[in-house]
Amino acid sequence: MRFSRLIPLIFAAGFGLANAQTTAPATVKVTPLGSHSGEFCPLDRALVFEDPDGTRILYDAGRTVRGPEDGRLGKIDAVLLSHVHGDHLGDRIQPSDNAGTCAKPDFSKVIAPGSNTVNIAVGKKSKLIVGGEMAKYFSLKVKEAGGDPAQVQLLRFGASTKIGGVSIAGVPAVHSNGLDPAFLHKDHADALEANGLTAYMGPPGGYVLTFSNGLVVYLSGDTGVTAEQDVVVRRMYKAGLVVLNIGGTFTTGPVEAAYVINELVKPKAVIASHANEPATEGGKLRTGTKTEAFIKATTVPVHLPISGRTMAFEASGTCASGC
C-alpha cells in the first residue's frame, strides 16, 4: 500500500481514538473525609461529592472534617446536614490530622456552642441545606459566625433544589432530631439540661442527589427501615447508588441495612456508612465486624468509605475506579 494512502487511515484512526477519549462517560467522584487516612473508622460520616461540572457537595461534616481550613475540602458549593446530632453536626473535631487512633479518635477540640457544619459553610461561603425545623436556628448561627443568613436553605420532604448541575431532593428518615443543649446559649441550655431534654428540631431527613451525568444517589442520613425507601427512593427516583447507615443500636444494623438494599432500594451499589466501629485495619476489612456482616448479607457490591480514597461512579451506580 502506498504511504500516501496510509496517511488518511492513520489520521482516521487517531481521530477515532481521540474522539473515544473525549466522549468517555463522565463520572461522579466521591471522597470520604474520615478521622484517619486510609481507614474506615467509628465516627466517619463525611463525604464530598463532585459532579462532572465541578460542583462539590459536602454531606454530614460531623467531627472528622477539621473545620473550613481542612486541606481535604477544597471548594464546597453546598453543605448538606441530615440532622443535628453531634456526630453529624460537629460538636468537636480533631486537633490535628489522624489524632488518636482509628478505634478511638481524638476529638478534643471543642466547637460547641458553635458547630463544625456552620463554620465550614461560613468559611467556604457555601449553601447550607437543612430540613425539618432547622432553618431559622441555622440562619441565626450562620449570622453569629459572620456569614449571611441567606446561605441557609430549607429543604423538606417533597421539595427539591439545584446547586450547579446537581439536583437535591429531601426524603424522610426515621430517627430522632434533638439538639443537644451544648449547642444553645447558656440560659436555655441549663433549663433543658435540668430536665433531661434536648431541643426538638423537627423531623430528620435524607437526600436524593441527581448528578449531571445521570447518577442518582440516596443519602439515608440516620434511619431505620422505612417504606419510603421503596416507594420514593426506588420507584420515584430510581437511585443507583446508596450511602446507608449500618451500625445498629441508633440506626439500622447490618441485617436491617441489607434488607433495605436487597428488597427496598435495589441499587447497583452501596457505600457503607455510620458503622460505629473500626471497620478496617491497614485499609483492609476487619473480620468479625458489623461491616463484614453487612457485606455478606448484601447482594450488590458494597464499597468501603476509605478516608482520602476517591471513588468514581458511572451514571448507573457502578464503580468506575477507586473502589
C-alpha atoms as a PDB file:
ATOM      1  CA  MET A   1       0.000   0.000   0.000  1.00  0.00           C
ATOM      2  CA  ARG A   2       1.320   3.456  -0.908  1.00  0.00           C
ATOM      3  CA  PHE A   3       2.343   5.724   2.000  1.00  0.00           C
ATOM      4  CA  SER A   4       0.052   8.422   0.595  1.00  0.00           C
ATOM      5  CA  ARG A   5      -2.899   6.068   1.080  1.00  0.00           C
ATOM      6  CA  LEU A   6      -1.806   5.250   4.649  1.00  0.00           C
ATOM      7  CA  ILE A   7      -1.938   8.872   5.788  1.00  0.00           C
ATOM      8  CA  PRO A   8      -5.758   9.203   5.757  1.00  0.00           C
ATOM      9  CA  LEU A   9      -6.086   5.844   7.523  1.00  0.00           C
ATOM     10  CA  ILE A  10      -3.645   6.854  10.252  1.00  0.00           C
ATOM     11  CA  PHE A  11      -5.424  10.189  10.653  1.00  0.00           C
ATOM     12  CA  ALA A  12      -8.821   8.488  10.865  1.00  0.00           C
ATOM     13  CA  ALA A  13      -7.576   6.010  13.464  1.00  0.00           C
ATOM     14  CA  GLY A  14      -6.035   8.797  15.528  1.00  0.00           C
ATOM     15  CA  PHE A  15      -9.187  10.887  15.334  1.00  0.00           C
ATOM     16  CA  GLY A  16     -11.279   7.904  16.395  1.00  0.00           C
ATOM     17  CA  LEU A  17      -9.068   7.304  19.433  1.00  0.00           C
ATOM     18  CA  ALA A  18      -9.139  10.978  20.436  1.00  0.00           C
ATOM     19  CA  ASN A  19     -12.901  11.108  19.967  1.00  0.00           C
ATOM     20  CA  ALA A  20     -13.356   7.976  22.114  1.00  0.00           C
ATOM     21  CA  GLN A  21     -11.278   9.581  24.858  1.00  0.00           C
ATOM     22  CA  THR A  22     -13.242  12.836  24.819  1.00  0.00           C
ATOM     23  CA  THR A  23     -16.614  11.089  24.836  1.00  0.00           C
ATOM     24  CA  ALA A  24     -15.829   8.675  27.701  1.00  0.00           C
ATOM     25  CA  PRO A  25     -18.718   8.587  30.209  1.00  0.00           C
ATOM     26  CA  ALA A  26     -18.487  11.317  32.844  1.00  0.00           C
ATOM     27  CA  THR A  27     -18.275  10.071  36.423  1.00  0.00           C
ATOM     28  CA  VAL A  28     -19.177  11.440  39.851  1.00  0.00           C
ATOM     29  CA  LYS A  29     -16.286  11.487  42.319  1.00  0.00           C
ATOM     30  CA  VAL A  30     -16.928  10.545  45.962  1.00  0.00           C
ATOM     31  CA  THR A  31     -14.230  11.238  48.560  1.00  0.00           C
ATOM     32  CA  PRO A  32     -14.659  10.141  52.206  1.00  0.00           C
ATOM     33  CA  LEU A  33     -13.171  12.510  54.802  1.00  0.00           C
ATOM     34  CA  GLY A  34     -12.703  10.300  57.842  1.00  0.00           C
ATOM     35  CA  SER A  35     -10.711  10.610  61.027  1.00  0.00           C
ATOM     36  CA  HIS A  36      -7.748   8.518  59.838  1.00  0.00           C
ATOM     37  CA  SER A  37      -6.210   8.397  56.381  1.00  0.00           C
ATOM     38  CA  GLY A  38      -6.660   5.089  54.607  1.00  0.00           C
ATOM     39  CA  GLU A  39      -9.176   3.703  57.120  1.00  0.00           C
ATOM     40  CA  PHE A  40     -12.916   3.445  57.834  1.00  0.00           C
ATOM     41  CA  CYS A  41     -13.292   4.426  61.498  1.00  0.00           C
ATOM     42  CA  PRO A  42     -16.189   4.620  64.011  1.00  0.00           C
ATOM     43  CA  LEU A  43     -17.263   8.254  63.611  1.00  0.00           C
ATOM     44  CA  ASP A  44     -16.652   8.598  59.860  1.00  0.00           C
ATOM     45  CA  ARG A  45     -19.670  10.278  58.265  1.00  0.00           C
ATOM     46  CA  ALA A  46     -18.401  12.964  55.871  1.00  0.00           C
ATOM     47  CA  LEU A  47     -18.339  12.541  52.092  1.00  0.00           C
ATOM     48  CA  VAL A  48     -17.582  15.034  49.330  1.00  0.00           C
ATOM     49  CA  PHE A  49     -19.420  14.510  46.037  1.00  0.00           C
ATOM     50  CA  GLU A  50     -18.037  16.153  42.905  1.00  0.00           C
ATOM     51  CA  ASP A  51     -20.231  16.461  39.815  1.00  0.00           C
ATOM     52  CA  PRO A  52     -18.641  16.296  36.356  1.00  0.00           C
ATOM     53  CA  ASP A  53     -19.300  20.044  36.078  1.00  0.00           C
ATOM     54  CA  GLY A  54     -17.137  20.706  39.170  1.00  0.00           C
ATOM     55  CA  THR A  55     -19.947  21.283  41.693  1.00  0.00           C
ATOM     56  CA  ARG A  56     -18.805  19.971  45.082  1.00  0.00           C
ATOM     57  CA  ILE A  57     -21.177  18.984  47.878  1.00  0.00           C
ATOM     58  CA  LEU A  58     -20.233  18.041  51.446  1.00  0.00           C
ATOM     59  CA  TYR A  59     -22.542  15.616  53.232  1.00  0.00           C
ATOM     60  CA  ASP A  60     -22.680  15.492  57.080  1.00  0.00           C
ATOM     61  CA  ALA A  61     -19.336  17.034  58.034  1.00  0.00           C
ATOM     62  CA  GLY A  62     -19.571  15.669  61.588  1.00  0.00           C
ATOM     63  CA  ARG A  63     -16.424  15.534  63.694  1.00  0.00           C
ATOM     64  CA  THR A  64     -13.907  14.209  61.175  1.00  0.00           C
ATOM     65  CA  VAL A  65     -13.607  17.267  58.913  1.00  0.00           C
ATOM     66  CA  ARG A  66     -11.187  19.561  60.687  1.00  0.00           C
ATOM     67  CA  GLY A  67     -13.043  22.821  60.095  1.00  0.00           C
ATOM     68  CA  PRO A  68     -13.074  25.007  56.967  1.00  0.00           C
ATOM     69  CA  GLU A  69      -9.257  25.015  56.908  1.00  0.00           C
ATOM     70  CA  ASP A  70      -9.120  21.248  56.364  1.00  0.00           C
ATOM     71  CA  GLY A  71      -7.000  20.900  53.235  1.00  0.00           C
ATOM     72  CA  ARG A  72      -9.038  17.945  52.025  1.00  0.00           C
ATOM     73  CA  LEU A  73     -12.143  20.061  51.456  1.00  0.00           C
ATOM     74  CA  GLY A  74     -11.256  22.257  48.518  1.00  0.00           C
ATOM     75  CA  LYS A  75     -14.123  24.270  47.065  1.00  0.00           C
ATOM     76  CA  ILE A  76     -17.508  23.456  48.617  1.00  0.00           C
ATOM     77  CA  ASP A  77     -20.670  24.732  46.937  1.00  0.00           C
ATOM     78  CA  ALA A  78     -23.172  23.258  49.392  1.00  0.00           C
ATOM     79  CA  VAL A  79     -23.177  21.550  52.775  1.00  0.00           C
ATOM     80  CA  LEU A  80     -25.947  19.014  53.450  1.00  0.00           C
ATOM     81  CA  LEU A  81     -26.995  18.236  57.022  1.00  0.00           C
ATOM     82  CA  SER A  82     -29.289  15.286  57.730  1.00  0.00           C
ATOM     83  CA  HIS A  83     -29.920  16.037  61.418  1.00  0.00           C
ATOM     84  CA  VAL A  84     -28.421  17.814  64.421  1.00  0.00           C
ATOM     85  CA  HIS A  85     -26.854  15.031  66.482  1.00  0.00           C
ATOM     86  CA  GLY A  86     -23.295  15.920  67.429  1.00  0.00           C
ATOM     87  CA  ASP A  87     -21.635  13.240  65.300  1.00  0.00           C
ATOM     88  CA  HIS A  88     -23.250  14.787  62.197  1.00  0.00           C
ATOM     89  CA  LEU A  89     -23.461  18.479  63.113  1.00  0.00           C
ATOM     90  CA  GLY A  90     -19.985  18.541  64.658  1.00  0.00           C
ATOM     91  CA  ASP A  91     -19.718  19.478  68.324  1.00  0.00           C
ATOM     92  CA  ARG A  92     -15.970  18.805  68.379  1.00  0.00           C
ATOM     93  CA  ILE A  93     -13.185  17.934  65.935  1.00  0.00           C
ATOM     94  CA  GLN A  94      -9.676  16.519  65.881  1.00  0.00           C
ATOM     95  CA  PRO A  95      -6.910  18.953  66.820  1.00  0.00           C
ATOM     96  CA  SER A  96      -4.664  17.599  64.034  1.00  0.00           C
ATOM     97  CA  ASP A  97      -4.501  15.077  61.201  1.00  0.00           C
ATOM     98  CA  ASN A  98      -5.089  11.486  62.327  1.00  0.00           C
ATOM     99  CA  ALA A  99      -5.191  12.476  66.024  1.00  0.00           C
ATOM    100  CA  GLY A 100      -5.820   9.495  68.278  1.00  0.00           C
ATOM    101  CA  THR A 101      -6.327   6.055  66.784  1.00  0.00           C
ATOM    102  CA  CYS A 102      -8.882   4.723  64.326  1.00  0.00           C
ATOM    103  CA  ALA A 103     -10.542   2.802  67.150  1.00  0.00           C
ATOM    104  CA  LYS A 104     -10.506   5.869  69.411  1.00  0.00           C
ATOM    105  CA  PRO A 105     -10.084   9.151  67.501  1.00  0.00           C
ATOM    106  CA  ASP A 106      -9.085  12.247  69.455  1.00  0.00           C
ATOM    107  CA  PHE A 107     -11.923  14.763  69.164  1.00  0.00           C
ATOM    108  CA  SER A 108     -10.641  17.052  71.910  1.00  0.00           C
ATOM    109  CA  LYS A 109     -11.080  20.379  70.078  1.00  0.00           C
ATOM    110  CA  VAL A 110     -14.493  21.613  71.259  1.00  0.00           C
ATOM    111  CA  ILE A 111     -16.579  23.638  68.794  1.00  0.00           C
ATOM    112  CA  ALA A 112     -19.938  23.823  70.629  1.00  0.00           C
ATOM    113  CA  PRO A 113     -21.921  26.025  71.173  1.00  0.00           C
ATOM    114  CA  GLY A 114     -20.875  26.677  67.584  1.00  0.00           C
ATOM    115  CA  SER A 115     -20.710  23.772  65.141  1.00  0.00           C
ATOM    116  CA  ASN A 116     -18.336  22.347  62.589  1.00  0.00           C
ATOM    117  CA  THR A 117     -21.093  22.418  59.968  1.00  0.00           C
ATOM    118  CA  VAL A 118     -21.783  26.138  60.369  1.00  0.00           C
ATOM    119  CA  ASN A 119     -18.075  27.002  60.467  1.00  0.00           C
ATOM    120  CA  ILE A 120     -17.484  25.154  57.203  1.00  0.00           C
ATOM    121  CA  ALA A 121     -20.489  26.742  55.462  1.00  0.00           C
ATOM    122  CA  VAL A 122     -19.387  30.221  56.551  1.00  0.00           C
ATOM    123  CA  GLY A 123     -15.719  29.613  55.758  1.00  0.00           C
ATOM    124  CA  LYS A 124     -16.482  28.227  52.310  1.00  0.00           C
ATOM    125  CA  LYS A 125     -19.320  30.710  51.601  1.00  0.00           C
ATOM    126  CA  SER A 126     -21.463  27.743  50.613  1.00  0.00           C
ATOM    127  CA  LYS A 127     -25.157  26.991  50.835  1.00  0.00           C
ATOM    128  CA  LEU A 128     -26.228  25.108  53.975  1.00  0.00           C
ATOM    129  CA  ILE A 129     -29.172  22.845  53.218  1.00  0.00           C
ATOM    130  CA  VAL A 130     -31.307  21.580  56.099  1.00  0.00           C
ATOM    131  CA  GLY A 131     -34.810  20.164  56.650  1.00  0.00           C
ATOM    132  CA  GLY A 132     -37.330  19.880  59.492  1.00  0.00           C
ATOM    133  CA  GLU A 133     -37.483  22.979  61.668  1.00  0.00           C
ATOM    134  CA  MET A 134     -33.768  23.676  61.419  1.00  0.00           C
ATOM    135  CA  ALA A 135     -33.591  26.619  59.017  1.00  0.00           C
ATOM    136  CA  LYS A 136     -34.238  29.529  61.396  1.00  0.00           C
ATOM    137  CA  TYR A 137     -31.844  28.172  64.025  1.00  0.00           C
ATOM    138  CA  PHE A 138     -29.066  27.791  61.468  1.00  0.00           C
ATOM    139  CA  SER A 139     -29.740  31.189  59.909  1.00  0.00           C
ATOM    140  CA  LEU A 140     -29.060  32.714  63.324  1.00  0.00           C
ATOM    141  CA  LYS A 141     -25.982  30.542  63.864  1.00  0.00           C
ATOM    142  CA  VAL A 142     -24.556  31.411  60.450  1.00  0.00           C
ATOM    143  CA  LYS A 143     -25.049  35.109  61.182  1.00  0.00           C
ATOM    144  CA  GLU A 144     -23.347  34.735  64.597  1.00  0.00           C
ATOM    145  CA  ALA A 145     -20.376  33.091  62.835  1.00  0.00           C
ATOM    146  CA  GLY A 146     -20.034  36.018  60.407  1.00  0.00           C
ATOM    147  CA  GLY A 147     -21.896  34.561  57.451  1.00  0.00           C
ATOM    148  CA  ASP A 148     -25.010  35.533  55.524  1.00  0.00           C
ATOM    149  CA  PRO A 149     -28.260  34.008  56.855  1.00  0.00           C
ATOM    150  CA  ALA A 150     -29.369  33.651  53.226  1.00  0.00           C
ATOM    151  CA  GLN A 151     -26.792  30.870  52.880  1.00  0.00           C
ATOM    152  CA  VAL A 152     -29.230  28.603  54.751  1.00  0.00           C
ATOM    153  CA  GLN A 153     -31.810  26.894  52.568  1.00  0.00           C
ATOM    154  CA  LEU A 154     -34.755  24.877  53.883  1.00  0.00           C
ATOM    155  CA  LEU A 155     -35.438  21.620  52.030  1.00  0.00           C
ATOM    156  CA  ARG A 156     -38.178  19.433  53.478  1.00  0.00           C
ATOM    157  CA  PHE A 157     -39.562  16.118  52.209  1.00  0.00           C
ATOM    158  CA  GLY A 158     -41.060  16.527  48.740  1.00  0.00           C
ATOM    159  CA  ALA A 159     -39.081  19.683  47.945  1.00  0.00           C
ATOM    160  CA  SER A 160     -36.068  19.969  45.670  1.00  0.00           C
ATOM    161  CA  THR A 161     -33.404  22.479  44.727  1.00  0.00           C
ATOM    162  CA  LYS A 162     -30.441  22.679  42.402  1.00  0.00           C
ATOM    163  CA  ILE A 163     -26.801  23.541  43.099  1.00  0.00           C
ATOM    164  CA  GLY A 164     -24.764  23.768  39.899  1.00  0.00           C
ATOM    165  CA  GLY A 165     -25.549  20.653  37.907  1.00  0.00           C
ATOM    166  CA  VAL A 166     -26.802  18.704  40.934  1.00  0.00           C
ATOM    167  CA  SER A 167     -30.493  18.378  41.802  1.00  0.00           C
ATOM    168  CA  ILE A 168     -31.134  17.782  45.515  1.00  0.00           C
ATOM    169  CA  ALA A 169     -34.383  16.374  46.909  1.00  0.00           C
ATOM    170  CA  GLY A 170     -35.380  15.874  50.534  1.00  0.00           C
ATOM    171  CA  VAL A 171     -36.580  12.403  51.617  1.00  0.00           C
ATOM    172  CA  PRO A 172     -37.695  11.064  55.012  1.00  0.00           C
ATOM    173  CA  ALA A 173     -35.524   9.392  57.628  1.00  0.00           C
ATOM    174  CA  VAL A 174     -36.871   7.506  60.640  1.00  0.00           C
ATOM    175  CA  HIS A 175     -34.714   8.694  63.525  1.00  0.00           C
ATOM    176  CA  SER A 176     -34.682  11.474  66.133  1.00  0.00           C
ATOM    177  CA  ASN A 177     -33.520  15.062  65.790  1.00  0.00           C
ATOM    178  CA  GLY A 178     -32.946  16.609  69.203  1.00  0.00           C
ATOM    179  CA  LEU A 179     -30.344  19.347  69.537  1.00  0.00           C
ATOM    180  CA  ASP A 180     -28.010  18.823  72.477  1.00  0.00           C
ATOM    181  CA  PRO A 181     -28.105  21.736  74.974  1.00  0.00           C
ATOM    182  CA  ALA A 182     -24.366  22.151  74.369  1.00  0.00           C
ATOM    183  CA  PHE A 183     -25.255  23.957  71.112  1.00  0.00           C
ATOM    184  CA  LEU A 184     -27.512  26.502  72.870  1.00  0.00           C
ATOM    185  CA  HIS A 185     -26.931  29.703  74.804  1.00  0.00           C
ATOM    186  CA  LYS A 186     -26.383  29.081  78.490  1.00  0.00           C
ATOM    187  CA  ASP A 187     -29.811  30.026  79.878  1.00  0.00           C
ATOM    188  CA  HIS A 188     -31.688  27.734  77.523  1.00  0.00           C
ATOM    189  CA  ALA A 189     -29.040  25.038  77.804  1.00  0.00           C
ATOM    190  CA  ASP A 190     -29.235  24.987  81.617  1.00  0.00           C
ATOM    191  CA  ALA A 191     -33.048  24.701  81.595  1.00  0.00           C
ATOM    192  CA  LEU A 192     -33.008  21.783  79.160  1.00  0.00           C
ATOM    193  CA  GLU A 193     -30.159  20.026  80.953  1.00  0.00           C
ATOM    194  CA  ALA A 194     -32.001  20.320  84.271  1.00  0.00           C
ATOM    195  CA  ASN A 195     -34.966  18.493  82.750  1.00  0.00           C
ATOM    196  CA  GLY A 196     -33.013  15.950  80.723  1.00  0.00           C
ATOM    197  CA  LEU A 197     -34.306  17.346  77.432  1.00  0.00           C
ATOM    198  CA  THR A 198     -32.987  18.288  74.011  1.00  0.00           C
ATOM    199  CA  ALA A 199     -34.350  20.988  71.700  1.00  0.00           C
ATOM    200  CA  TYR A 200     -36.610  19.417  69.080  1.00  0.00           C
ATOM    201  CA  MET A 201     -35.663  20.451  65.543  1.00  0.00           C
ATOM    202  CA  GLY A 202     -38.395  18.786  63.519  1.00  0.00           C
ATOM    203  CA  PRO A 203     -38.017  15.504  61.657  1.00  0.00           C
ATOM    204  CA  PRO A 204     -34.605  14.340  60.440  1.00  0.00           C
ATOM    205  CA  GLY A 205     -34.113  13.615  56.773  1.00  0.00           C
ATOM    206  CA  GLY A 206     -32.080  12.163  53.971  1.00  0.00           C
ATOM    207  CA  TYR A 207     -31.386  13.344  50.441  1.00  0.00           C
ATOM    208  CA  VAL A 208     -31.503  12.128  46.868  1.00  0.00           C
ATOM    209  CA  LEU A 209     -28.901  13.711  44.600  1.00  0.00           C
ATOM    210  CA  THR A 210     -29.223  13.591  40.816  1.00  0.00           C
ATOM    211  CA  PHE A 211     -25.964  14.457  39.078  1.00  0.00           C
ATOM    212  CA  SER A 212     -25.429  15.880  35.608  1.00  0.00           C
ATOM    213  CA  ASN A 213     -24.203  12.507  34.268  1.00  0.00           C
ATOM    214  CA  GLY A 214     -27.498  10.898  35.331  1.00  0.00           C
ATOM    215  CA  LEU A 215     -26.269   9.202  38.519  1.00  0.00           C
ATOM    216  CA  VAL A 216     -28.901   9.156  41.306  1.00  0.00           C
ATOM    217  CA  VAL A 217     -27.589   8.779  44.867  1.00  0.00           C
ATOM    218  CA  TYR A 218     -29.652   8.163  48.012  1.00  0.00           C
ATOM    219  CA  LEU A 219     -28.115   9.566  51.209  1.00  0.00           C
ATOM    220  CA  SER A 220     -30.003   7.916  54.051  1.00  0.00           C
ATOM    221  CA  GLY A 221     -28.993  10.175  56.931  1.00  0.00           C
ATOM    222  CA  ASP A 222     -29.581   8.164  60.106  1.00  0.00           C
ATOM    223  CA  THR A 223     -32.621   5.984  59.622  1.00  0.00           C
ATOM    224  CA  GLY A 224     -34.418   2.770  60.323  1.00  0.00           C
ATOM    225  CA  VAL A 225     -36.277   0.775  57.707  1.00  0.00           C
ATOM    226  CA  THR A 226     -38.988   2.907  56.101  1.00  0.00           C
ATOM    227  CA  ALA A 227     -41.491   2.286  53.294  1.00  0.00           C
ATOM    228  CA  GLU A 228     -40.308   5.454  51.524  1.00  0.00           C
ATOM    229  CA  GLN A 229     -37.089   3.622  50.646  1.00  0.00           C
ATOM    230  CA  ASP A 230     -39.210   1.555  48.274  1.00  0.00           C
ATOM    231  CA  VAL A 231     -41.966   3.976  47.272  1.00  0.00           C
ATOM    232  CA  VAL A 232     -39.916   7.168  46.956  1.00  0.00           C
ATOM    233  CA  VAL A 233     -36.229   6.277  46.668  1.00  0.00           C
ATOM    234  CA  ARG A 234     -36.573   3.267  44.357  1.00  0.00           C
ATOM    235  CA  ARG A 235     -39.823   3.751  42.465  1.00  0.00           C
ATOM    236  CA  MET A 236     -39.783   7.525  42.070  1.00  0.00           C
ATOM    237  CA  TYR A 237     -36.089   8.469  41.984  1.00  0.00           C
ATOM    238  CA  LYS A 238     -34.622   5.098  40.881  1.00  0.00           C
ATOM    239  CA  ALA A 239     -31.454   5.513  42.942  1.00  0.00           C
ATOM    240  CA  GLY A 240     -28.470   3.628  41.532  1.00  0.00           C
ATOM    241  CA  LEU A 241     -26.076   4.268  44.433  1.00  0.00           C
ATOM    242  CA  VAL A 242     -26.864   4.350  48.154  1.00  0.00           C
ATOM    243  CA  VAL A 243     -24.970   5.679  51.182  1.00  0.00           C
ATOM    244  CA  LEU A 244     -26.507   3.789  54.101  1.00  0.00           C
ATOM    245  CA  ASN A 245     -26.009   3.606  57.874  1.00  0.00           C
ATOM    246  CA  ILE A 246     -25.217   0.060  59.057  1.00  0.00           C
ATOM    247  CA  GLY A 247     -24.120   0.398  62.690  1.00  0.00           C
ATOM    248  CA  GLY A 248     -27.183  -0.756  64.643  1.00  0.00           C
ATOM    249  CA  THR A 249     -28.348   0.499  68.092  1.00  0.00           C
ATOM    250  CA  PHE A 250     -29.117   4.014  66.837  1.00  0.00           C
ATOM    251  CA  THR A 251     -29.970   3.140  63.207  1.00  0.00           C
ATOM    252  CA  THR A 252     -30.379   0.061  61.029  1.00  0.00           C
ATOM    253  CA  GLY A 253     -27.877  -2.670  61.819  1.00  0.00           C
ATOM    254  CA  PRO A 254     -26.167  -4.802  59.181  1.00  0.00           C
ATOM    255  CA  VAL A 255     -29.083  -7.227  58.704  1.00  0.00           C
ATOM    256  CA  GLU A 256     -31.705  -4.476  58.519  1.00  0.00           C
ATOM    257  CA  ALA A 257     -29.498  -2.381  56.234  1.00  0.00           C
ATOM    258  CA  ALA A 258     -29.017  -5.359  53.914  1.00  0.00           C
ATOM    259  CA  TYR A 259     -32.812  -5.725  53.728  1.00  0.00           C
ATOM    260  CA  VAL A 260     -33.106  -2.072  52.706  1.00  0.00           C
ATOM    261  CA  ILE A 261     -30.618  -2.661  49.895  1.00  0.00           C
ATOM    262  CA  ASN A 262     -31.768  -6.094  48.732  1.00  0.00           C
ATOM    263  CA  GLU A 263     -35.542  -5.664  48.977  1.00  0.00           C
ATOM    264  CA  LEU A 264     -36.408  -1.965  49.027  1.00  0.00           C
ATOM    265  CA  VAL A 265     -33.995   0.310  47.159  1.00  0.00           C
ATOM    266  CA  LYS A 266     -32.294  -2.332  44.959  1.00  0.00           C
ATOM    267  CA  PRO A 267     -29.440  -0.095  43.745  1.00  0.00           C
ATOM    268  CA  LYS A 268     -26.414  -1.095  41.693  1.00  0.00           C
ATOM    269  CA  ALA A 269     -24.073  -0.490  44.642  1.00  0.00           C
ATOM    270  CA  VAL A 270     -23.886   0.820  48.204  1.00  0.00           C
ATOM    271  CA  ILE A 271     -21.334   2.740  50.257  1.00  0.00           C
ATOM    272  CA  ALA A 272     -21.386   1.602  53.886  1.00  0.00           C
ATOM    273  CA  SER A 273     -21.624   4.404  56.463  1.00  0.00           C
ATOM    274  CA  HIS A 274     -22.069   5.047  60.175  1.00  0.00           C
ATOM    275  CA  ALA A 275     -20.559   1.691  61.178  1.00  0.00           C
ATOM    276  CA  ASN A 276     -19.673   2.895  64.706  1.00  0.00           C
ATOM    277  CA  GLU A 277     -16.677   0.566  64.760  1.00  0.00           C
ATOM    278  CA  PRO A 278     -13.108   0.470  63.457  1.00  0.00           C
ATOM    279  CA  ALA A 279     -14.117  -1.383  60.303  1.00  0.00           C
ATOM    280  CA  THR A 280     -10.673  -1.554  58.736  1.00  0.00           C
ATOM    281  CA  GLU A 281      -7.073  -2.050  59.790  1.00  0.00           C
ATOM    282  CA  GLY A 282      -4.336  -1.073  57.367  1.00  0.00           C
ATOM    283  CA  GLY A 283      -7.100  -0.227  54.924  1.00  0.00           C
ATOM    284  CA  LYS A 284      -8.379  -3.821  54.895  1.00  0.00           C
ATOM    285  CA  LEU A 285     -11.732  -5.021  56.235  1.00  0.00           C
ATOM    286  CA  ARG A 286     -11.503  -6.429  59.768  1.00  0.00           C
ATOM    287  CA  THR A 287     -13.098  -9.829  60.254  1.00  0.00           C
ATOM    288  CA  GLY A 288     -15.939 -10.261  62.729  1.00  0.00           C
ATOM    289  CA  THR A 289     -17.186  -6.702  62.244  1.00  0.00           C
ATOM    290  CA  LYS A 290     -20.690  -5.427  61.568  1.00  0.00           C
ATOM    291  CA  THR A 291     -19.329  -4.112  58.289  1.00  0.00           C
ATOM    292  CA  GLU A 292     -18.285  -7.619  57.258  1.00  0.00           C
ATOM    293  CA  ALA A 293     -21.734  -8.947  58.238  1.00  0.00           C
ATOM    294  CA  PHE A 294     -23.378  -6.276  56.090  1.00  0.00           C
ATOM    295  CA  ILE A 295     -21.206  -7.131  53.099  1.00  0.00           C
ATOM    296  CA  LYS A 296     -22.011 -10.841  53.424  1.00  0.00           C
ATOM    297  CA  ALA A 297     -25.770 -10.164  53.674  1.00  0.00           C
ATOM    298  CA  THR A 298     -25.949  -7.737  50.751  1.00  0.00           C
ATOM    299  CA  THR A 299     -26.481  -8.859  47.157  1.00  0.00           C
ATOM    300  CA  VAL A 300     -24.911  -5.833  45.420  1.00  0.00           C
ATOM    301  CA  PRO A 301     -21.314  -4.540  45.641  1.00  0.00           C
ATOM    302  CA  VAL A 302     -20.517  -2.827  48.959  1.00  0.00           C
ATOM    303  CA  HIS A 303     -17.829  -0.147  48.867  1.00  0.00           C
ATOM    304  CA  LEU A 304     -15.972   0.966  51.975  1.00  0.00           C
ATOM    305  CA  PRO A 305     -15.525   4.723  52.501  1.00  0.00           C
ATOM    306  CA  ILE A 306     -11.772   4.640  52.986  1.00  0.00           C
ATOM    307  CA  SER A 307     -10.720   8.114  54.115  1.00  0.00           C
ATOM    308  CA  GLY A 308      -8.953  10.046  51.394  1.00  0.00           C
ATOM    309  CA  ARG A 309      -9.545   7.467  48.652  1.00  0.00           C
ATOM    310  CA  THR A 310     -11.660   8.900  45.832  1.00  0.00           C
ATOM    311  CA  MET A 311     -14.177   6.622  44.157  1.00  0.00           C
ATOM    312  CA  ALA A 312     -15.726   7.385  40.770  1.00  0.00           C
ATOM    313  CA  PHE A 313     -19.214   6.252  39.755  1.00  0.00           C
ATOM    314  CA  GLU A 314     -20.899   5.936  36.388  1.00  0.00           C
ATOM    315  CA  ALA A 315     -24.492   7.000  35.748  1.00  0.00           C
ATOM    316  CA  SER A 316     -25.808   3.529  36.605  1.00  0.00           C
ATOM    317  CA  GLY A 317     -24.185   3.497  40.069  1.00  0.00           C
ATOM    318  CA  THR A 318     -21.410   1.136  39.015  1.00  0.00           C
ATOM    319  CA  CYS A 319     -17.972   1.985  40.371  1.00  0.00           C
ATOM    320  CA  ALA A 320     -15.549   3.007  37.600  1.00  0.00           C
ATOM    321  CA  SER A 321     -12.446   3.416  39.767  1.00  0.00           C
ATOM    322  CA  GLY A 322     -11.146   3.726  43.327  1.00  0.00           C
ATOM    323  CA  CYS A 323     -13.441   1.122  44.919  1.00  0.00           C
END
